[in-house]
């Protein structure tokens, strides 16, 4: 199945390129993709900005569903950045809890 959204290789539209990748390389239908996106959006409480910790849950589920390892998927450099971001967010969340008490 080909995507209804078909940017050329020269396209600078990241979203369209992502849709093309998902539909062509992973054989995911647009209907399934948008259904999953909607479920994530609902789970995030319709927030337009999600914290790294909120994203981490869904990223982990995505990796499990694709039977992929986050380290292999992201590569060492990005994986280390991702882990650092999660640690920093955890630290900020803990500090917020202390201040609220």
PDB file of N, CA and C in Angstrom:
ATOM      1  N   UNK A   1       0.852  -1.181   0.000  1.00  0.00           N
ATOM      2  CA  UNK A   1       0.000   0.000   0.000  1.00  0.00           C
ATOM      3  C   UNK A   1       0.889   1.234   0.000  1.00  0.00           C
ATOM      4  N   UNK A   2       0.602   2.142  -0.858  1.00  0.00           N
ATOM      5  CA  UNK A   2       1.388   3.373  -0.877  1.00  0.00           C
ATOM      6  C   UNK A   2       0.650   4.451  -0.108  1.00  0.00           C
ATOM      7  N   UNK A   3       1.411   5.377   0.386  1.00  0.00           N
ATOM      8  CA  UNK A   3       0.845   6.465   1.168  1.00  0.00           C
ATOM      9  C   UNK A   3       0.100   7.433   0.265  1.00  0.00           C
ATOM     10  N   UNK A   4      -0.983   7.991   0.792  1.00  0.00           N
ATOM     11  CA  UNK A   4      -1.690   9.041   0.066  1.00  0.00           C
ATOM     12  C   UNK A   4      -0.911  10.341   0.111  1.00  0.00           C
ATOM     13  N   UNK A   5      -0.022  10.443   1.080  1.00  0.00           N
ATOM     14  CA  UNK A   5       0.829  11.614   1.220  1.00  0.00           C
ATOM     15  C   UNK A   5       2.195  11.209   0.714  1.00  0.00           C
ATOM     16  N   UNK A   6       2.565  11.706  -0.442  1.00  0.00           N
ATOM     17  CA  UNK A   6       3.783  11.226  -1.061  1.00  0.00           C
ATOM     18  C   UNK A   6       4.793  12.296  -1.375  1.00  0.00           C
ATOM     19  N   UNK A   7       5.578  12.727  -0.399  1.00  0.00           N
ATOM     20  CA  UNK A   7       6.602  13.717  -0.687  1.00  0.00           C
ATOM     21  C   UNK A   7       7.736  13.091  -1.486  1.00  0.00           C
ATOM     22  N   UNK A   8       8.426  13.908  -2.235  1.00  0.00           N
ATOM     23  CA  UNK A   8       9.594  13.430  -2.960  1.00  0.00           C
ATOM     24  C   UNK A   8      10.762  13.353  -1.991  1.00  0.00           C
ATOM     25  N   UNK A   9      11.871  12.783  -2.447  1.00  0.00           N
ATOM     26  CA  UNK A   9      13.053  12.693  -1.596  1.00  0.00           C
ATOM     27  C   UNK A   9      13.580  14.079  -1.261  1.00  0.00           C
ATOM     28  N   UNK A  10      13.228  15.067  -2.080  1.00  0.00           N
ATOM     29  CA  UNK A  10      13.682  16.436  -1.843  1.00  0.00           C
ATOM     30  C   UNK A  10      12.804  17.159  -0.829  1.00  0.00           C
ATOM     31  N   UNK A  11      11.733  16.523  -0.440  1.00  0.00           N
ATOM     32  CA  UNK A  11      10.782  17.181   0.456  1.00  0.00           C
ATOM     33  C   UNK A  11      11.419  17.554   1.781  1.00  0.00           C
ATOM     34  N   UNK A  12      11.084  18.742   2.242  1.00  0.00           N
ATOM     35  CA  UNK A  12      11.582  19.164   3.551  1.00  0.00           C
ATOM     36  C   UNK A  12      10.488  19.040   4.607  1.00  0.00           C
ATOM     37  N   UNK A  13       9.371  18.493   4.250  1.00  0.00           N
ATOM     38  CA  UNK A  13       8.258  18.343   5.180  1.00  0.00           C
ATOM     39  C   UNK A  13       8.484  17.108   6.048  1.00  0.00           C
ATOM     40  N   UNK A  14       8.930  17.311   7.267  1.00  0.00           N
ATOM     41  CA  UNK A  14       9.268  16.203   8.157  1.00  0.00           C
ATOM     42  C   UNK A  14       8.076  15.308   8.459  1.00  0.00           C
ATOM     43  N   UNK A  15       6.923  15.906   8.651  1.00  0.00           N
ATOM     44  CA  UNK A  15       5.745  15.108   8.992  1.00  0.00           C
ATOM     45  C   UNK A  15       5.356  14.199   7.835  1.00  0.00           C
ATOM     46  N   UNK A  16       5.335  14.740   6.639  1.00  0.00           N
ATOM     47  CA  UNK A  16       4.995  13.934   5.466  1.00  0.00           C
ATOM     48  C   UNK A  16       6.036  12.842   5.247  1.00  0.00           C
ATOM     49  N   UNK A  17       7.288  13.163   5.482  1.00  0.00           N
ATOM     50  CA  UNK A  17       8.346  12.166   5.340  1.00  0.00           C
ATOM     51  C   UNK A  17       8.181  11.055   6.370  1.00  0.00           C
ATOM     52  N   UNK A  18       7.798  11.430   7.582  1.00  0.00           N
ATOM     53  CA  UNK A  18       7.562  10.434   8.619  1.00  0.00           C
ATOM     54  C   UNK A  18       6.391   9.531   8.245  1.00  0.00           C
ATOM     55  N   UNK A  19       5.326  10.121   7.740  1.00  0.00           N
ATOM     56  CA  UNK A  19       4.179   9.320   7.308  1.00  0.00           C
ATOM     57  C   UNK A  19       4.576   8.374   6.181  1.00  0.00           C
ATOM     58  N   UNK A  20       5.343   8.880   5.255  1.00  0.00           N
ATOM     59  CA  UNK A  20       5.803   8.052   4.140  1.00  0.00           C
ATOM     60  C   UNK A  20       6.647   6.887   4.649  1.00  0.00           C
ATOM     61  N   UNK A  21       7.554   7.171   5.570  1.00  0.00           N
ATOM     62  CA  UNK A  21       8.410   6.126   6.129  1.00  0.00           C
ATOM     63  C   UNK A  21       7.575   5.048   6.813  1.00  0.00           C
ATOM     64  N   UNK A  22       6.649   5.465   7.657  1.00  0.00           N
ATOM     65  CA  UNK A  22       5.826   4.499   8.401  1.00  0.00           C
ATOM     66  C   UNK A  22       4.973   3.648   7.476  1.00  0.00           C
ATOM     67  N   UNK A  23       4.399   4.273   6.479  1.00  0.00           N
ATOM     68  CA  UNK A  23       3.503   3.527   5.593  1.00  0.00           C
ATOM     69  C   UNK A  23       4.259   2.633   4.617  1.00  0.00           C
ATOM     70  N   UNK A  24       5.402   3.080   4.152  1.00  0.00           N
ATOM     71  CA  UNK A  24       6.120   2.293   3.153  1.00  0.00           C
ATOM     72  C   UNK A  24       7.135   1.325   3.745  1.00  0.00           C
ATOM     73  N   UNK A  25       7.924   1.766   4.697  1.00  0.00           N
ATOM     74  CA  UNK A  25       8.981   0.903   5.250  1.00  0.00           C
ATOM     75  C   UNK A  25       8.440  -0.088   6.262  1.00  0.00           C
ATOM     76  N   UNK A  26       7.467   0.326   7.075  1.00  0.00           N
ATOM     77  CA  UNK A  26       6.932  -0.554   8.102  1.00  0.00           C
ATOM     78  C   UNK A  26       5.573  -1.143   7.724  1.00  0.00           C
ATOM     79  N   UNK A  27       5.074  -0.788   6.557  1.00  0.00           N
ATOM     80  CA  UNK A  27       3.784  -1.293   6.070  1.00  0.00           C
ATOM     81  C   UNK A  27       2.643  -1.039   7.057  1.00  0.00           C
ATOM     82  N   UNK A  28       2.642   0.139   7.655  1.00  0.00           N
ATOM     83  CA  UNK A  28       1.575   0.534   8.571  1.00  0.00           C
ATOM     84  C   UNK A  28       0.606   1.404   7.777  1.00  0.00           C
ATOM     85  N   UNK A  29      -0.668   1.059   7.826  1.00  0.00           N
ATOM     86  CA  UNK A  29      -1.654   1.860   7.102  1.00  0.00           C
ATOM     87  C   UNK A  29      -1.825   3.212   7.785  1.00  0.00           C
ATOM     88  N   UNK A  30      -2.214   4.212   7.006  1.00  0.00           N
ATOM     89  CA  UNK A  30      -2.471   5.527   7.589  1.00  0.00           C
ATOM     90  C   UNK A  30      -3.576   5.448   8.636  1.00  0.00           C
ATOM     91  N   UNK A  31      -4.570   4.623   8.384  1.00  0.00           N
ATOM     92  CA  UNK A  31      -5.659   4.471   9.343  1.00  0.00           C
ATOM     93  C   UNK A  31      -5.130   3.962  10.683  1.00  0.00           C
ATOM     94  N   UNK A  32      -4.282   2.942  10.650  1.00  0.00           N
ATOM     95  CA  UNK A  32      -3.701   2.407  11.884  1.00  0.00           C
ATOM     96  C   UNK A  32      -2.791   3.418  12.553  1.00  0.00           C
ATOM     97  N   UNK A  33      -2.022   4.116  11.746  1.00  0.00           N
ATOM     98  CA  UNK A  33      -1.095   5.114  12.278  1.00  0.00           C
ATOM     99  C   UNK A  33      -1.843   6.234  12.998  1.00  0.00           C
ATOM    100  N   UNK A  34      -2.884   6.753  12.358  1.00  0.00           N
ATOM    101  CA  UNK A  34      -3.643   7.832  12.976  1.00  0.00           C
ATOM    102  C   UNK A  34      -4.431   7.343  14.186  1.00  0.00           C
ATOM    103  N   UNK A  35      -4.885   6.102  14.176  1.00  0.00           N
ATOM    104  CA  UNK A  35      -5.575   5.546  15.345  1.00  0.00           C
ATOM    105  C   UNK A  35      -4.616   5.458  16.529  1.00  0.00           C
ATOM    106  N   UNK A  36      -3.385   5.021  16.270  1.00  0.00           N
ATOM    107  CA  UNK A  36      -2.384   4.940  17.341  1.00  0.00           C
ATOM    108  C   UNK A  36      -2.015   6.331  17.827  1.00  0.00           C
ATOM    109  N   UNK A  37      -1.887   7.264  16.900  1.00  0.00           N
ATOM    110  CA  UNK A  37      -1.560   8.643  17.275  1.00  0.00           C
ATOM    111  C   UNK A  37      -2.660   9.219  18.171  1.00  0.00           C
ATOM    112  N   UNK A  38      -3.887   8.971  17.822  1.00  0.00           N
ATOM    113  CA  UNK A  38      -5.010   9.480  18.606  1.00  0.00           C
ATOM    114  C   UNK A  38      -4.990   8.879  20.012  1.00  0.00           C
ATOM    115  N   UNK A  39      -4.686   7.579  20.099  1.00  0.00           N
ATOM    116  CA  UNK A  39      -4.631   6.924  21.409  1.00  0.00           C
ATOM    117  C   UNK A  39      -3.536   7.544  22.280  1.00  0.00           C
ATOM    118  N   UNK A  40      -2.402   7.848  21.694  1.00  0.00           N
ATOM    119  CA  UNK A  40      -1.319   8.484  22.447  1.00  0.00           C
ATOM    120  C   UNK A  40      -1.740   9.886  22.874  1.00  0.00           C
ATOM    121  N   UNK A  41      -2.366  10.612  21.966  1.00  0.00           N
ATOM    122  CA  UNK A  41      -2.814  11.968  22.274  1.00  0.00           C
ATOM    123  C   UNK A  41      -3.803  11.955  23.442  1.00  0.00           C
ATOM    124  N   UNK A  42      -4.727  11.001  23.431  1.00  0.00           N
ATOM    125  CA  UNK A  42      -5.690  10.856  24.530  1.00  0.00           C
ATOM    126  C   UNK A  42      -4.955  10.517  25.818  1.00  0.00           C
ATOM    127  N   UNK A  43      -4.006   9.572  25.739  1.00  0.00           N
ATOM    128  CA  UNK A  43      -3.265   9.170  26.937  1.00  0.00           C
ATOM    129  C   UNK A  43      -2.456  10.319  27.527  1.00  0.00           C
ATOM    130  N   UNK A  44      -2.026  11.240  26.688  1.00  0.00           N
ATOM    131  CA  UNK A  44      -1.280  12.402  27.170  1.00  0.00           C
ATOM    132  C   UNK A  44      -2.202  13.519  27.654  1.00  0.00           C
ATOM    133  N   UNK A  45      -3.480  13.259  27.680  1.00  0.00           N
ATOM    134  CA  UNK A  45      -4.428  14.242  28.191  1.00  0.00           C
ATOM    135  C   UNK A  45      -4.603  15.440  27.270  1.00  0.00           C
ATOM    136  N   UNK A  46      -4.436  15.223  25.966  1.00  0.00           N
ATOM    137  CA  UNK A  46      -4.619  16.267  24.954  1.00  0.00           C
ATOM    138  C   UNK A  46      -3.672  17.444  25.133  1.00  0.00           C
ATOM    139  N   UNK A  47      -2.549  17.197  25.769  1.00  0.00           N
ATOM    140  CA  UNK A  47      -1.559  18.265  25.947  1.00  0.00           C
ATOM    141  C   UNK A  47      -0.752  18.407  24.666  1.00  0.00           C
ATOM    142  N   UNK A  48      -0.531  19.634  24.265  1.00  0.00           N
ATOM    143  CA  UNK A  48       0.279  19.868  23.073  1.00  0.00           C
ATOM    144  C   UNK A  48       1.762  19.769  23.398  1.00  0.00           C
ATOM    145  N   UNK A  49       2.103  19.924  24.656  1.00  0.00           N
ATOM    146  CA  UNK A  49       3.485  19.796  25.080  1.00  0.00           C
ATOM    147  C   UNK A  49       3.557  18.677  26.113  1.00  0.00           C
ATOM    148  N   UNK A  50       4.337  17.676  25.804  1.00  0.00           N
ATOM    149  CA  UNK A  50       4.493  16.553  26.725  1.00  0.00           C
ATOM    150  C   UNK A  50       5.904  16.565  27.296  1.00  0.00           C
ATOM    151  N   UNK A  51       6.018  16.195  28.557  1.00  0.00           N
ATOM    152  CA  UNK A  51       7.329  16.115  29.184  1.00  0.00           C
ATOM    153  C   UNK A  51       8.057  14.874  28.671  1.00  0.00           C
ATOM    154  N   UNK A  52       9.369  14.848  28.806  1.00  0.00           N
ATOM    155  CA  UNK A  52      10.112  13.645  28.397  1.00  0.00           C
ATOM    156  C   UNK A  52       9.617  12.376  29.090  1.00  0.00           C
ATOM    157  N   UNK A  53       9.226  12.488  30.362  1.00  0.00           N
ATOM    158  CA  UNK A  53       8.732  11.307  31.069  1.00  0.00           C
ATOM    159  C   UNK A  53       7.413  10.807  30.482  1.00  0.00           C
ATOM    160  N   UNK A  54       6.562  11.725  30.029  1.00  0.00           N
ATOM    161  CA  UNK A  54       5.309  11.311  29.391  1.00  0.00           C
ATOM    162  C   UNK A  54       5.583  10.646  28.043  1.00  0.00           C
ATOM    163  N   UNK A  55       6.532  11.186  27.321  1.00  0.00           N
ATOM    164  CA  UNK A  55       6.895  10.616  26.023  1.00  0.00           C
ATOM    165  C   UNK A  55       7.555   9.249  26.211  1.00  0.00           C
ATOM    166  N   UNK A  56       8.353   9.097  27.268  1.00  0.00           N
ATOM    167  CA  UNK A  56       9.100   7.866  27.496  1.00  0.00           C
ATOM    168  C   UNK A  56       8.180   6.645  27.564  1.00  0.00           C
ATOM    169  N   UNK A  57       7.058   6.792  28.224  1.00  0.00           N
ATOM    170  CA  UNK A  57       6.112   5.677  28.336  1.00  0.00           C
ATOM    171  C   UNK A  57       5.675   5.198  26.950  1.00  0.00           C
ATOM    172  N   UNK A  58       5.297   6.143  26.106  1.00  0.00           N
ATOM    173  CA  UNK A  58       4.801   5.792  24.775  1.00  0.00           C
ATOM    174  C   UNK A  58       5.928   5.317  23.863  1.00  0.00           C
ATOM    175  N   UNK A  59       7.112   5.904  24.036  1.00  0.00           N
ATOM    176  CA  UNK A  59       8.273   5.464  23.263  1.00  0.00           C
ATOM    177  C   UNK A  59       8.606   4.011  23.598  1.00  0.00           C
ATOM    178  N   UNK A  60       8.552   3.681  24.880  1.00  0.00           N
ATOM    179  CA  UNK A  60       8.831   2.309  25.309  1.00  0.00           C
ATOM    180  C   UNK A  60       7.812   1.340  24.712  1.00  0.00           C
ATOM    181  N   UNK A  61       6.559   1.725  24.715  1.00  0.00           N
ATOM    182  CA  UNK A  61       5.511   0.877  24.117  1.00  0.00           C
ATOM    183  C   UNK A  61       5.722   0.716  22.621  1.00  0.00           C
ATOM    184  N   UNK A  62       6.102   1.795  21.959  1.00  0.00           N
ATOM    185  CA  UNK A  62       6.356   1.742  20.519  1.00  0.00           C
ATOM    186  C   UNK A  62       7.510   0.789  20.216  1.00  0.00           C
ATOM    187  N   UNK A  63       8.588   0.899  20.977  1.00  0.00           N
ATOM    188  CA  UNK A  63       9.740   0.021  20.761  1.00  0.00           C
ATOM    189  C   UNK A  63       9.364  -1.441  20.997  1.00  0.00           C
ATOM    190  N   UNK A  64       8.556  -1.679  22.029  1.00  0.00           N
ATOM    191  CA  UNK A  64       8.124  -3.044  22.318  1.00  0.00           C
ATOM    192  C   UNK A  64       7.258  -3.573  21.173  1.00  0.00           C
ATOM    193  N   UNK A  65       6.349  -2.728  20.689  1.00  0.00           N
ATOM    194  CA  UNK A  65       5.477  -3.136  19.587  1.00  0.00           C
ATOM    195  C   UNK A  65       6.244  -3.428  18.307  1.00  0.00           C
ATOM    196  N   UNK A  66       7.315  -2.695  18.093  1.00  0.00           N
ATOM    197  CA  UNK A  66       8.147  -2.895  16.903  1.00  0.00           C
ATOM    198  C   UNK A  66       9.234  -3.940  17.126  1.00  0.00           C
ATOM    199  N   UNK A  67       9.272  -4.463  18.368  1.00  0.00           N
ATOM    200  CA  UNK A  67      10.291  -5.428  18.755  1.00  0.00           C
ATOM    201  C   UNK A  67      11.685  -4.868  18.484  1.00  0.00           C
ATOM    202  N   UNK A  68      11.882  -3.629  18.917  1.00  0.00           N
ATOM    203  CA  UNK A  68      13.159  -2.945  18.727  1.00  0.00           C
ATOM    204  C   UNK A  68      13.746  -2.579  20.081  1.00  0.00           C
ATOM    205  N   UNK A  69      15.027  -2.414  20.112  1.00  0.00           N
ATOM    206  CA  UNK A  69      15.760  -1.990  21.293  1.00  0.00           C
ATOM    207  C   UNK A  69      16.011  -0.492  21.166  1.00  0.00           C
ATOM    208  N   UNK A  70      15.662   0.318  22.184  1.00  0.00           N
ATOM    209  CA  UNK A  70      15.864   1.770  22.083  1.00  0.00           C
ATOM    210  C   UNK A  70      17.306   2.169  21.762  1.00  0.00           C
ATOM    211  N   UNK A  71      18.269   1.451  22.307  1.00  0.00           N
ATOM    212  CA  UNK A  71      19.675   1.772  22.034  1.00  0.00           C
ATOM    213  C   UNK A  71      20.001   1.550  20.561  1.00  0.00           C
ATOM    214  N   UNK A  72      19.570   0.433  20.024  1.00  0.00           N
ATOM    215  CA  UNK A  72      19.808   0.164  18.601  1.00  0.00           C
ATOM    216  C   UNK A  72      19.058   1.147  17.715  1.00  0.00           C
ATOM    217  N   UNK A  73      17.835   1.470  18.120  1.00  0.00           N
ATOM    218  CA  UNK A  73      16.997   2.376  17.325  1.00  0.00           C
ATOM    219  C   UNK A  73      17.571   3.789  17.297  1.00  0.00           C
ATOM    220  N   UNK A  74      17.967   4.299  18.456  1.00  0.00           N
ATOM    221  CA  UNK A  74      18.445   5.681  18.552  1.00  0.00           C
ATOM    222  C   UNK A  74      19.932   5.835  18.248  1.00  0.00           C
ATOM    223  N   UNK A  75      20.687   4.783  18.435  1.00  0.00           N
ATOM    224  CA  UNK A  75      22.140   4.902  18.339  1.00  0.00           C
ATOM    225  C   UNK A  75      22.684   5.365  19.687  1.00  0.00           C
ATOM    226  N   UNK A  76      23.952   5.117  19.925  1.00  0.00           N
ATOM    227  CA  UNK A  76      24.531   5.383  21.237  1.00  0.00           C
ATOM    228  C   UNK A  76      24.413   6.847  21.646  1.00  0.00           C
ATOM    229  N   UNK A  77      24.790   7.768  20.763  1.00  0.00           N
ATOM    230  CA  UNK A  77      24.795   9.192  21.121  1.00  0.00           C
ATOM    231  C   UNK A  77      23.396   9.694  21.490  1.00  0.00           C
ATOM    232  N   UNK A  78      22.410   9.411  20.654  1.00  0.00           N
ATOM    233  CA  UNK A  78      21.039   9.869  20.942  1.00  0.00           C
ATOM    234  C   UNK A  78      20.446   9.151  22.145  1.00  0.00           C
ATOM    235  N   UNK A  79      20.781   7.871  22.293  1.00  0.00           N
ATOM    236  CA  UNK A  79      20.285   7.130  23.449  1.00  0.00           C
ATOM    237  C   UNK A  79      20.804   7.738  24.749  1.00  0.00           C
ATOM    238  N   UNK A  80      22.091   8.069  24.768  1.00  0.00           N
ATOM    239  CA  UNK A  80      22.665   8.696  25.963  1.00  0.00           C
ATOM    240  C   UNK A  80      22.029  10.053  26.227  1.00  0.00           C
ATOM    241  N   UNK A  81      21.761  10.829  25.169  1.00  0.00           N
ATOM    242  CA  UNK A  81      21.079  12.120  25.337  1.00  0.00           C
ATOM    243  C   UNK A  81      19.674  11.908  25.895  1.00  0.00           C
ATOM    244  N   UNK A  82      18.975  10.916  25.377  1.00  0.00           N
ATOM    245  CA  UNK A  82      17.619  10.600  25.835  1.00  0.00           C
ATOM    246  C   UNK A  82      17.634  10.221  27.313  1.00  0.00           C
ATOM    247  N   UNK A  83      18.582   9.367  27.706  1.00  0.00           N
ATOM    248  CA  UNK A  83      18.675   8.955  29.106  1.00  0.00           C
ATOM    249  C   UNK A  83      19.000  10.144  30.007  1.00  0.00           C
ATOM    250  N   UNK A  84      19.875  11.024  29.567  1.00  0.00           N
ATOM    251  CA  UNK A  84      20.212  12.214  30.345  1.00  0.00           C
ATOM    252  C   UNK A  84      18.987  13.115  30.495  1.00  0.00           C
ATOM    253  N   UNK A  85      18.239  13.275  29.421  1.00  0.00           N
ATOM    254  CA  UNK A  85      17.027  14.094  29.473  1.00  0.00           C
ATOM    255  C   UNK A  85      16.031  13.515  30.465  1.00  0.00           C
ATOM    256  N   UNK A  86      15.866  12.200  30.473  1.00  0.00           N
ATOM    257  CA  UNK A  86      14.947  11.554  31.415  1.00  0.00           C
ATOM    258  C   UNK A  86      15.417  11.740  32.856  1.00  0.00           C
ATOM    259  N   UNK A  87      16.718  11.635  33.081  1.00  0.00           N
ATOM    260  CA  UNK A  87      17.254  11.833  34.434  1.00  0.00           C
ATOM    261  C   UNK A  87      17.033  13.266  34.900  1.00  0.00           C
ATOM    262  N   UNK A  88      17.261  14.222  34.002  1.00  0.00           N
ATOM    263  CA  UNK A  88      17.053  15.632  34.358  1.00  0.00           C
ATOM    264  C   UNK A  88      15.587  15.908  34.656  1.00  0.00           C
ATOM    265  N   UNK A  89      14.699  15.336  33.866  1.00  0.00           N
ATOM    266  CA  UNK A  89      13.262  15.525  34.089  1.00  0.00           C
ATOM    267  C   UNK A  89      12.828  14.888  35.401  1.00  0.00           C
ATOM    268  N   UNK A  90      13.359  13.724  35.710  1.00  0.00           N
ATOM    269  CA  UNK A  90      13.050  13.060  36.979  1.00  0.00           C
ATOM    270  C   UNK A  90      13.502  13.927  38.151  1.00  0.00           C
ATOM    271  N   UNK A  91      14.693  14.492  38.036  1.00  0.00           N
ATOM    272  CA  UNK A  91      15.219  15.367  39.078  1.00  0.00           C
ATOM    273  C   UNK A  91      14.327  16.600  39.254  1.00  0.00           C
ATOM    274  N   UNK A  92      13.899  17.204  38.151  1.00  0.00           N
ATOM    275  CA  UNK A  92      13.006  18.375  38.228  1.00  0.00           C
ATOM    276  C   UNK A  92      11.675  18.001  38.883  1.00  0.00           C
ATOM    277  N   UNK A  93      11.146  16.835  38.529  1.00  0.00           N
ATOM    278  CA  UNK A  93       9.870  16.395  39.106  1.00  0.00           C
ATOM    279  C   UNK A  93      10.004  16.176  40.611  1.00  0.00           C
ATOM    280  N   UNK A  94      11.124  15.593  41.032  1.00  0.00           N
ATOM    281  CA  UNK A  94      11.341  15.372  42.463  1.00  0.00           C
ATOM    282  C   UNK A  94      11.463  16.698  43.208  1.00  0.00           C
ATOM    283  N   UNK A  95      12.156  17.660  42.631  1.00  0.00           N
ATOM    284  CA  UNK A  95      12.289  18.979  43.254  1.00  0.00           C
ATOM    285  C   UNK A  95      10.936  19.681  43.351  1.00  0.00           C
ATOM    286  N   UNK A  96      10.093  19.534  42.330  1.00  0.00           N
ATOM    287  CA  UNK A  96       8.743  20.116  42.369  1.00  0.00           C
ATOM    288  C   UNK A  96       7.935  19.509  43.499  1.00  0.00           C
ATOM    289  N   UNK A  97       8.037  18.204  43.681  1.00  0.00           N
ATOM    290  CA  UNK A  97       7.304  17.533  44.761  1.00  0.00           C
ATOM    291  C   UNK A  97       7.727  18.059  46.127  1.00  0.00           C
ATOM    292  N   UNK A  98       9.020  18.236  46.319  1.00  0.00           N
ATOM    293  CA  UNK A  98       9.538  18.749  47.596  1.00  0.00           C
ATOM    294  C   UNK A  98       9.013  20.155  47.849  1.00  0.00           C
ATOM    295  N   UNK A  99       9.020  21.002  46.824  1.00  0.00           N
ATOM    296  CA  UNK A  99       8.535  22.380  46.981  1.00  0.00           C
ATOM    297  C   UNK A  99       7.050  22.436  47.290  1.00  0.00           C
ATOM    298  N   UNK A 100       6.294  21.497  46.761  1.00  0.00           N
ATOM    299  CA  UNK A 100       4.843  21.505  46.958  1.00  0.00           C
ATOM    300  C   UNK A 100       4.431  21.001  48.332  1.00  0.00           C
ATOM    301  N   UNK A 101       5.323  20.370  49.049  1.00  0.00           N
ATOM    302  CA  UNK A 101       4.989  19.824  50.374  1.00  0.00           C
ATOM    303  C   UNK A 101       4.987  20.883  51.419  1.00  0.00           C
TER     304      UNK A 101
END
